[in-house]
Amino acid sequence: MADTIKTDITENIPGNSKCFSKEQLMASSRYMARRDLLDALLDDNREYSINETETIIERFMKGKVE
């Protein structure tokens, strides 16, 4: 179903906290290269702002490998 939803998510005015579902974020062109990562990190039953999504990705990428 995610393939049929094509959404171009853009960050609007700072402070705008529009939220998107995991499916919408994964279908967006902004996160095309990170779909697998979003699928693993985000919860299906929750919505995320762009800033929150970026923070989650950044924290994961800076994590230490043990």
PDB file of N, CA and C in Angstrom:
ATOM      1  N   MET A   1       0.811  -1.185   0.000  1.00  0.00           N
ATOM      2  CA  MET A   1       0.000   0.000   0.000  1.00  0.00           C
ATOM      3  C   MET A   1       0.865   1.263   0.000  1.00  0.00           C
ATOM      4  N   ALA A   2       2.023   1.199   0.615  1.00  0.00           N
ATOM      5  CA  ALA A   2       2.897   2.368   0.679  1.00  0.00           C
ATOM      6  C   ALA A   2       3.317   2.822  -0.716  1.00  0.00           C
ATOM      7  N   ASP A   3       3.359   1.892  -1.666  1.00  0.00           N
ATOM      8  CA  ASP A   3       3.764   2.247  -3.018  1.00  0.00           C
ATOM      9  C   ASP A   3       2.717   3.114  -3.721  1.00  0.00           C
ATOM     10  N   THR A   4       1.461   2.996  -3.313  1.00  0.00           N
ATOM     11  CA  THR A   4       0.413   3.756  -3.970  1.00  0.00           C
ATOM     12  C   THR A   4       0.282   5.167  -3.409  1.00  0.00           C
ATOM     13  N   ILE A   5       0.868   5.411  -2.246  1.00  0.00           N
ATOM     14  CA  ILE A   5       0.795   6.735  -1.643  1.00  0.00           C
ATOM     15  C   ILE A   5       2.092   7.466  -1.944  1.00  0.00           C
ATOM     16  N   LYS A   6       2.032   8.445  -2.795  1.00  0.00           N
ATOM     17  CA  LYS A   6       3.203   9.244  -3.133  1.00  0.00           C
ATOM     18  C   LYS A   6       3.032  10.622  -2.520  1.00  0.00           C
ATOM     19  N   THR A   7       3.826  10.903  -1.518  1.00  0.00           N
ATOM     20  CA  THR A   7       3.719  12.156  -0.795  1.00  0.00           C
ATOM     21  C   THR A   7       5.060  12.844  -0.807  1.00  0.00           C
ATOM     22  N   ASP A   8       5.061  14.100  -1.142  1.00  0.00           N
ATOM     23  CA  ASP A   8       6.285  14.887  -1.080  1.00  0.00           C
ATOM     24  C   ASP A   8       6.237  15.685   0.211  1.00  0.00           C
ATOM     25  N   ILE A   9       6.930  15.187   1.228  1.00  0.00           N
ATOM     26  CA  ILE A   9       6.920  15.843   2.524  1.00  0.00           C
ATOM     27  C   ILE A   9       8.011  16.893   2.542  1.00  0.00           C
ATOM     28  N   THR A  10       7.600  18.101   2.800  1.00  0.00           N
ATOM     29  CA  THR A  10       8.563  19.194   2.898  1.00  0.00           C
ATOM     30  C   THR A  10       8.412  19.847   4.248  1.00  0.00           C
ATOM     31  N   GLU A  11       9.510  20.336   4.753  1.00  0.00           N
ATOM     32  CA  GLU A  11       9.481  21.017   6.031  1.00  0.00           C
ATOM     33  C   GLU A  11       9.006  22.445   5.783  1.00  0.00           C
ATOM     34  N   ASN A  12       7.917  22.791   6.403  1.00  0.00           N
ATOM     35  CA  ASN A  12       7.319  24.109   6.217  1.00  0.00           C
ATOM     36  C   ASN A  12       7.943  25.116   7.165  1.00  0.00           C
ATOM     37  N   ILE A  13       7.171  26.047   7.585  1.00  0.00           N
ATOM     38  CA  ILE A  13       7.620  27.112   8.474  1.00  0.00           C
ATOM     39  C   ILE A  13       8.131  26.505   9.777  1.00  0.00           C
ATOM     40  N   PRO A  14       9.296  26.975  10.288  1.00  0.00           N
ATOM     41  CA  PRO A  14       9.804  26.462  11.561  1.00  0.00           C
ATOM     42  C   PRO A  14       8.740  26.596  12.643  1.00  0.00           C
ATOM     43  N   GLY A  15       8.639  25.568  13.460  1.00  0.00           N
ATOM     44  CA  GLY A  15       7.631  25.568  14.511  1.00  0.00           C
ATOM     45  C   GLY A  15       6.348  24.867  14.088  1.00  0.00           C
ATOM     46  N   ASN A  16       6.203  24.619  12.800  1.00  0.00           N
ATOM     47  CA  ASN A  16       5.046  23.888  12.311  1.00  0.00           C
ATOM     48  C   ASN A  16       5.264  22.419  12.657  1.00  0.00           C
ATOM     49  N   SER A  17       4.344  21.837  13.404  1.00  0.00           N
ATOM     50  CA  SER A  17       4.555  20.476  13.875  1.00  0.00           C
ATOM     51  C   SER A  17       3.573  19.500  13.245  1.00  0.00           C
ATOM     52  N   LYS A  18       3.394  19.599  11.948  1.00  0.00           N
ATOM     53  CA  LYS A  18       2.528  18.662  11.253  1.00  0.00           C
ATOM     54  C   LYS A  18       3.126  17.269  11.393  1.00  0.00           C
ATOM     55  N   CYS A  19       2.278  16.311  11.673  1.00  0.00           N
ATOM     56  CA  CYS A  19       2.756  14.947  11.901  1.00  0.00           C
ATOM     57  C   CYS A  19       2.302  14.025  10.782  1.00  0.00           C
ATOM     58  N   PHE A  20       3.109  12.998  10.555  1.00  0.00           N
ATOM     59  CA  PHE A  20       2.869  12.040   9.481  1.00  0.00           C
ATOM     60  C   PHE A  20       2.975  10.629  10.027  1.00  0.00           C
ATOM     61  N   SER A  21       2.238   9.721   9.430  1.00  0.00           N
ATOM     62  CA  SER A  21       2.329   8.320   9.824  1.00  0.00           C
ATOM     63  C   SER A  21       3.621   7.719   9.274  1.00  0.00           C
ATOM     64  N   LYS A  22       3.982   6.584   9.811  1.00  0.00           N
ATOM     65  CA  LYS A  22       5.166   5.865   9.340  1.00  0.00           C
ATOM     66  C   LYS A  22       5.031   5.584   7.842  1.00  0.00           C
ATOM     67  N   GLU A  23       3.854   5.183   7.423  1.00  0.00           N
ATOM     68  CA  GLU A  23       3.616   4.860   6.015  1.00  0.00           C
ATOM     69  C   GLU A  23       3.810   6.082   5.121  1.00  0.00           C
ATOM     70  N   GLN A  24       3.328   7.239   5.559  1.00  0.00           N
ATOM     71  CA  GLN A  24       3.488   8.464   4.778  1.00  0.00           C
ATOM     72  C   GLN A  24       4.958   8.858   4.674  1.00  0.00           C
ATOM     73  N   LEU A  25       5.682   8.748   5.772  1.00  0.00           N
ATOM     74  CA  LEU A  25       7.103   9.088   5.757  1.00  0.00           C
ATOM     75  C   LEU A  25       7.877   8.154   4.832  1.00  0.00           C
ATOM     76  N   MET A  26       7.568   6.865   4.886  1.00  0.00           N
ATOM     77  CA  MET A  26       8.259   5.894   4.037  1.00  0.00           C
ATOM     78  C   MET A  26       7.937   6.092   2.561  1.00  0.00           C
ATOM     79  N   ALA A  27       6.765   6.627   2.259  1.00  0.00           N
ATOM     80  CA  ALA A  27       6.358   6.836   0.870  1.00  0.00           C
ATOM     81  C   ALA A  27       6.857   8.162   0.303  1.00  0.00           C
ATOM     82  N   SER A  28       7.391   9.010   1.164  1.00  0.00           N
ATOM     83  CA  SER A  28       7.816  10.334   0.709  1.00  0.00           C
ATOM     84  C   SER A  28       9.132  10.276  -0.060  1.00  0.00           C
ATOM     85  N   SER A  29       9.293  11.212  -0.958  1.00  0.00           N
ATOM     86  CA  SER A  29      10.540  11.279  -1.726  1.00  0.00           C
ATOM     87  C   SER A  29      11.703  11.717  -0.847  1.00  0.00           C
ATOM     88  N   ARG A  30      11.413  12.441   0.213  1.00  0.00           N
ATOM     89  CA  ARG A  30      12.453  12.920   1.140  1.00  0.00           C
ATOM     90  C   ARG A  30      13.218  11.765   1.783  1.00  0.00           C
ATOM     91  N   TYR A  31      12.527  10.688   2.097  1.00  0.00           N
ATOM     92  CA  TYR A  31      13.150   9.552   2.787  1.00  0.00           C
ATOM     93  C   TYR A  31      13.283   8.316   1.898  1.00  0.00           C
ATOM     94  N   MET A  32      13.337   8.516   0.598  1.00  0.00           N
ATOM     95  CA  MET A  32      13.424   7.403  -0.332  1.00  0.00           C
ATOM     96  C   MET A  32      14.608   6.473  -0.020  1.00  0.00           C
ATOM     97  N   ALA A  33      15.751   7.040   0.286  1.00  0.00           N
ATOM     98  CA  ALA A  33      16.951   6.242   0.536  1.00  0.00           C
ATOM     99  C   ALA A  33      16.983   5.641   1.941  1.00  0.00           C
ATOM    100  N   ARG A  34      16.041   6.028   2.790  1.00  0.00           N
ATOM    101  CA  ARG A  34      16.057   5.560   4.184  1.00  0.00           C
ATOM    102  C   ARG A  34      14.794   4.792   4.558  1.00  0.00           C
ATOM    103  N   ARG A  35      14.102   4.265   3.582  1.00  0.00           N
ATOM    104  CA  ARG A  35      12.847   3.553   3.854  1.00  0.00           C
ATOM    105  C   ARG A  35      13.045   2.362   4.785  1.00  0.00           C
ATOM    106  N   ASP A  36      14.081   1.580   4.566  1.00  0.00           N
ATOM    107  CA  ASP A  36      14.329   0.420   5.423  1.00  0.00           C
ATOM    108  C   ASP A  36      14.617   0.846   6.857  1.00  0.00           C
ATOM    109  N   LEU A  37      15.370   1.918   6.995  1.00  0.00           N
ATOM    110  CA  LEU A  37      15.706   2.434   8.322  1.00  0.00           C
ATOM    111  C   LEU A  37      14.441   2.920   9.036  1.00  0.00           C
ATOM    112  N   LEU A  38      13.603   3.667   8.345  1.00  0.00           N
ATOM    113  CA  LEU A  38      12.364   4.139   8.951  1.00  0.00           C
ATOM    114  C   LEU A  38      11.458   2.981   9.333  1.00  0.00           C
ATOM    115  N   ASP A  39      11.414   1.964   8.499  1.00  0.00           N
ATOM    116  CA  ASP A  39      10.589   0.797   8.784  1.00  0.00           C
ATOM    117  C   ASP A  39      11.028   0.135  10.084  1.00  0.00           C
ATOM    118  N   ALA A  40      12.329   0.096  10.329  1.00  0.00           N
ATOM    119  CA  ALA A  40      12.853  -0.543  11.533  1.00  0.00           C
ATOM    120  C   ALA A  40      12.716   0.343  12.774  1.00  0.00           C
ATOM    121  N   LEU A  41      12.850   1.657  12.608  1.00  0.00           N
ATOM    122  CA  LEU A  41      12.902   2.546  13.763  1.00  0.00           C
ATOM    123  C   LEU A  41      11.554   3.108  14.214  1.00  0.00           C
ATOM    124  N   LEU A  42      10.624   3.294  13.306  1.00  0.00           N
ATOM    125  CA  LEU A  42       9.375   3.954  13.646  1.00  0.00           C
ATOM    126  C   LEU A  42       8.273   2.970  14.005  1.00  0.00           C
ATOM    127  N   ASP A  43       7.381   3.423  14.868  1.00  0.00           N
ATOM    128  CA  ASP A  43       6.249   2.618  15.317  1.00  0.00           C
ATOM    129  C   ASP A  43       5.086   2.781  14.334  1.00  0.00           C
ATOM    130  N   ASP A  44       4.429   1.686  14.012  1.00  0.00           N
ATOM    131  CA  ASP A  44       3.309   1.713  13.060  1.00  0.00           C
ATOM    132  C   ASP A  44       2.127   2.541  13.555  1.00  0.00           C
ATOM    133  N   ASN A  45       1.919   2.584  14.850  1.00  0.00           N
ATOM    134  CA  ASN A  45       0.721   3.205  15.415  1.00  0.00           C
ATOM    135  C   ASN A  45       0.965   4.608  15.957  1.00  0.00           C
ATOM    136  N   ARG A  46       1.929   5.302  15.417  1.00  0.00           N
ATOM    137  CA  ARG A  46       2.285   6.622  15.911  1.00  0.00           C
ATOM    138  C   ARG A  46       2.561   7.560  14.744  1.00  0.00           C
ATOM    139  N   GLU A  47       2.413   8.854  14.991  1.00  0.00           N
ATOM    140  CA  GLU A  47       2.740   9.852  13.969  1.00  0.00           C
ATOM    141  C   GLU A  47       3.958  10.648  14.429  1.00  0.00           C
ATOM    142  N   TYR A  48       4.745  11.112  13.455  1.00  0.00           N
ATOM    143  CA  TYR A  48       5.999  11.801  13.731  1.00  0.00           C
ATOM    144  C   TYR A  48       6.080  13.093  12.937  1.00  0.00           C
ATOM    145  N   SER A  49       6.671  14.123  13.549  1.00  0.00           N
ATOM    146  CA  SER A  49       6.960  15.350  12.816  1.00  0.00           C
ATOM    147  C   SER A  49       8.258  15.139  12.037  1.00  0.00           C
ATOM    148  N   ILE A  50       8.540  16.027  11.107  1.00  0.00           N
ATOM    149  CA  ILE A  50       9.782  15.929  10.334  1.00  0.00           C
ATOM    150  C   ILE A  50      10.983  16.062  11.276  1.00  0.00           C
ATOM    151  N   ASN A  51      10.924  17.034  12.184  1.00  0.00           N
ATOM    152  CA  ASN A  51      12.036  17.227  13.122  1.00  0.00           C
ATOM    153  C   ASN A  51      12.264  15.998  13.990  1.00  0.00           C
ATOM    154  N   GLU A  52      11.185  15.398  14.463  1.00  0.00           N
ATOM    155  CA  GLU A  52      11.294  14.199  15.294  1.00  0.00           C
ATOM    156  C   GLU A  52      11.888  13.040  14.492  1.00  0.00           C
ATOM    157  N   THR A  53      11.455  12.895  13.256  1.00  0.00           N
ATOM    158  CA  THR A  53      11.975  11.835  12.400  1.00  0.00           C
ATOM    159  C   THR A  53      13.474  12.023  12.150  1.00  0.00           C
ATOM    160  N   GLU A  54      13.871  13.250  11.857  1.00  0.00           N
ATOM    161  CA  GLU A  54      15.290  13.546  11.635  1.00  0.00           C
ATOM    162  C   GLU A  54      16.118  13.243  12.885  1.00  0.00           C
ATOM    163  N   THR A  55      15.585  13.567  14.062  1.00  0.00           N
ATOM    164  CA  THR A  55      16.284  13.309  15.320  1.00  0.00           C
ATOM    165  C   THR A  55      16.453  11.812  15.551  1.00  0.00           C
ATOM    166  N   ILE A  56      15.425  11.035  15.283  1.00  0.00           N
ATOM    167  CA  ILE A  56      15.487   9.588  15.453  1.00  0.00           C
ATOM    168  C   ILE A  56      16.550   8.999  14.529  1.00  0.00           C
ATOM    169  N   ILE A  57      16.572   9.429  13.280  1.00  0.00           N
ATOM    170  CA  ILE A  57      17.563   8.942  12.315  1.00  0.00           C
ATOM    171  C   ILE A  57      18.968   9.346  12.757  1.00  0.00           C
ATOM    172  N   GLU A  58      19.130  10.595  13.165  1.00  0.00           N
ATOM    173  CA  GLU A  58      20.442  11.105  13.576  1.00  0.00           C
ATOM    174  C   GLU A  58      20.979  10.340  14.783  1.00  0.00           C
ATOM    175  N   ARG A  59      20.141  10.104  15.773  1.00  0.00           N
ATOM    176  CA  ARG A  59      20.565   9.354  16.960  1.00  0.00           C
ATOM    177  C   ARG A  59      20.987   7.935  16.593  1.00  0.00           C
ATOM    178  N   PHE A  60      20.235   7.311  15.703  1.00  0.00           N
ATOM    179  CA  PHE A  60      20.585   5.959  15.284  1.00  0.00           C
ATOM    180  C   PHE A  60      21.926   5.943  14.550  1.00  0.00           C
ATOM    181  N   MET A  61      22.125   6.891  13.650  1.00  0.00           N
ATOM    182  CA  MET A  61      23.348   6.925  12.849  1.00  0.00           C
ATOM    183  C   MET A  61      24.571   7.240  13.699  1.00  0.00           C
ATOM    184  N   LYS A  62      24.415   7.967  14.797  1.00  0.00           N
ATOM    185  CA  LYS A  62      25.522   8.292  15.666  1.00  0.00           C
ATOM    186  C   LYS A  62      25.743   7.262  16.757  1.00  0.00           C
ATOM    187  N   GLY A  63      24.917   6.233  16.807  1.00  0.00           N
ATOM    188  CA  GLY A  63      25.023   5.191  17.826  1.00  0.00           C
ATOM    189  C   GLY A  63      26.336   4.429  17.713  1.00  0.00           C
ATOM    190  N   LYS A  64      26.772   3.915  18.843  1.00  0.00           N
ATOM    191  CA  LYS A  64      28.031   3.155  18.873  1.00  0.00           C
ATOM    192  C   LYS A  64      27.795   1.698  18.521  1.00  0.00           C
ATOM    193  N   VAL A  65      28.726   1.142  17.807  1.00  0.00           N
ATOM    194  CA  VAL A  65      28.695  -0.273  17.455  1.00  0.00           C
ATOM    195  C   VAL A  65      29.484  -1.026  18.513  1.00  0.00           C
ATOM    196  N   GLU A  66      28.874  -2.041  19.069  1.00  0.00           N
ATOM    197  CA  GLU A  66      29.586  -2.804  20.104  1.00  0.00           C
ATOM    198  C   GLU A  66      29.977  -4.166  19.584  1.00  0.00           C
TER     199      GLU A  66
END
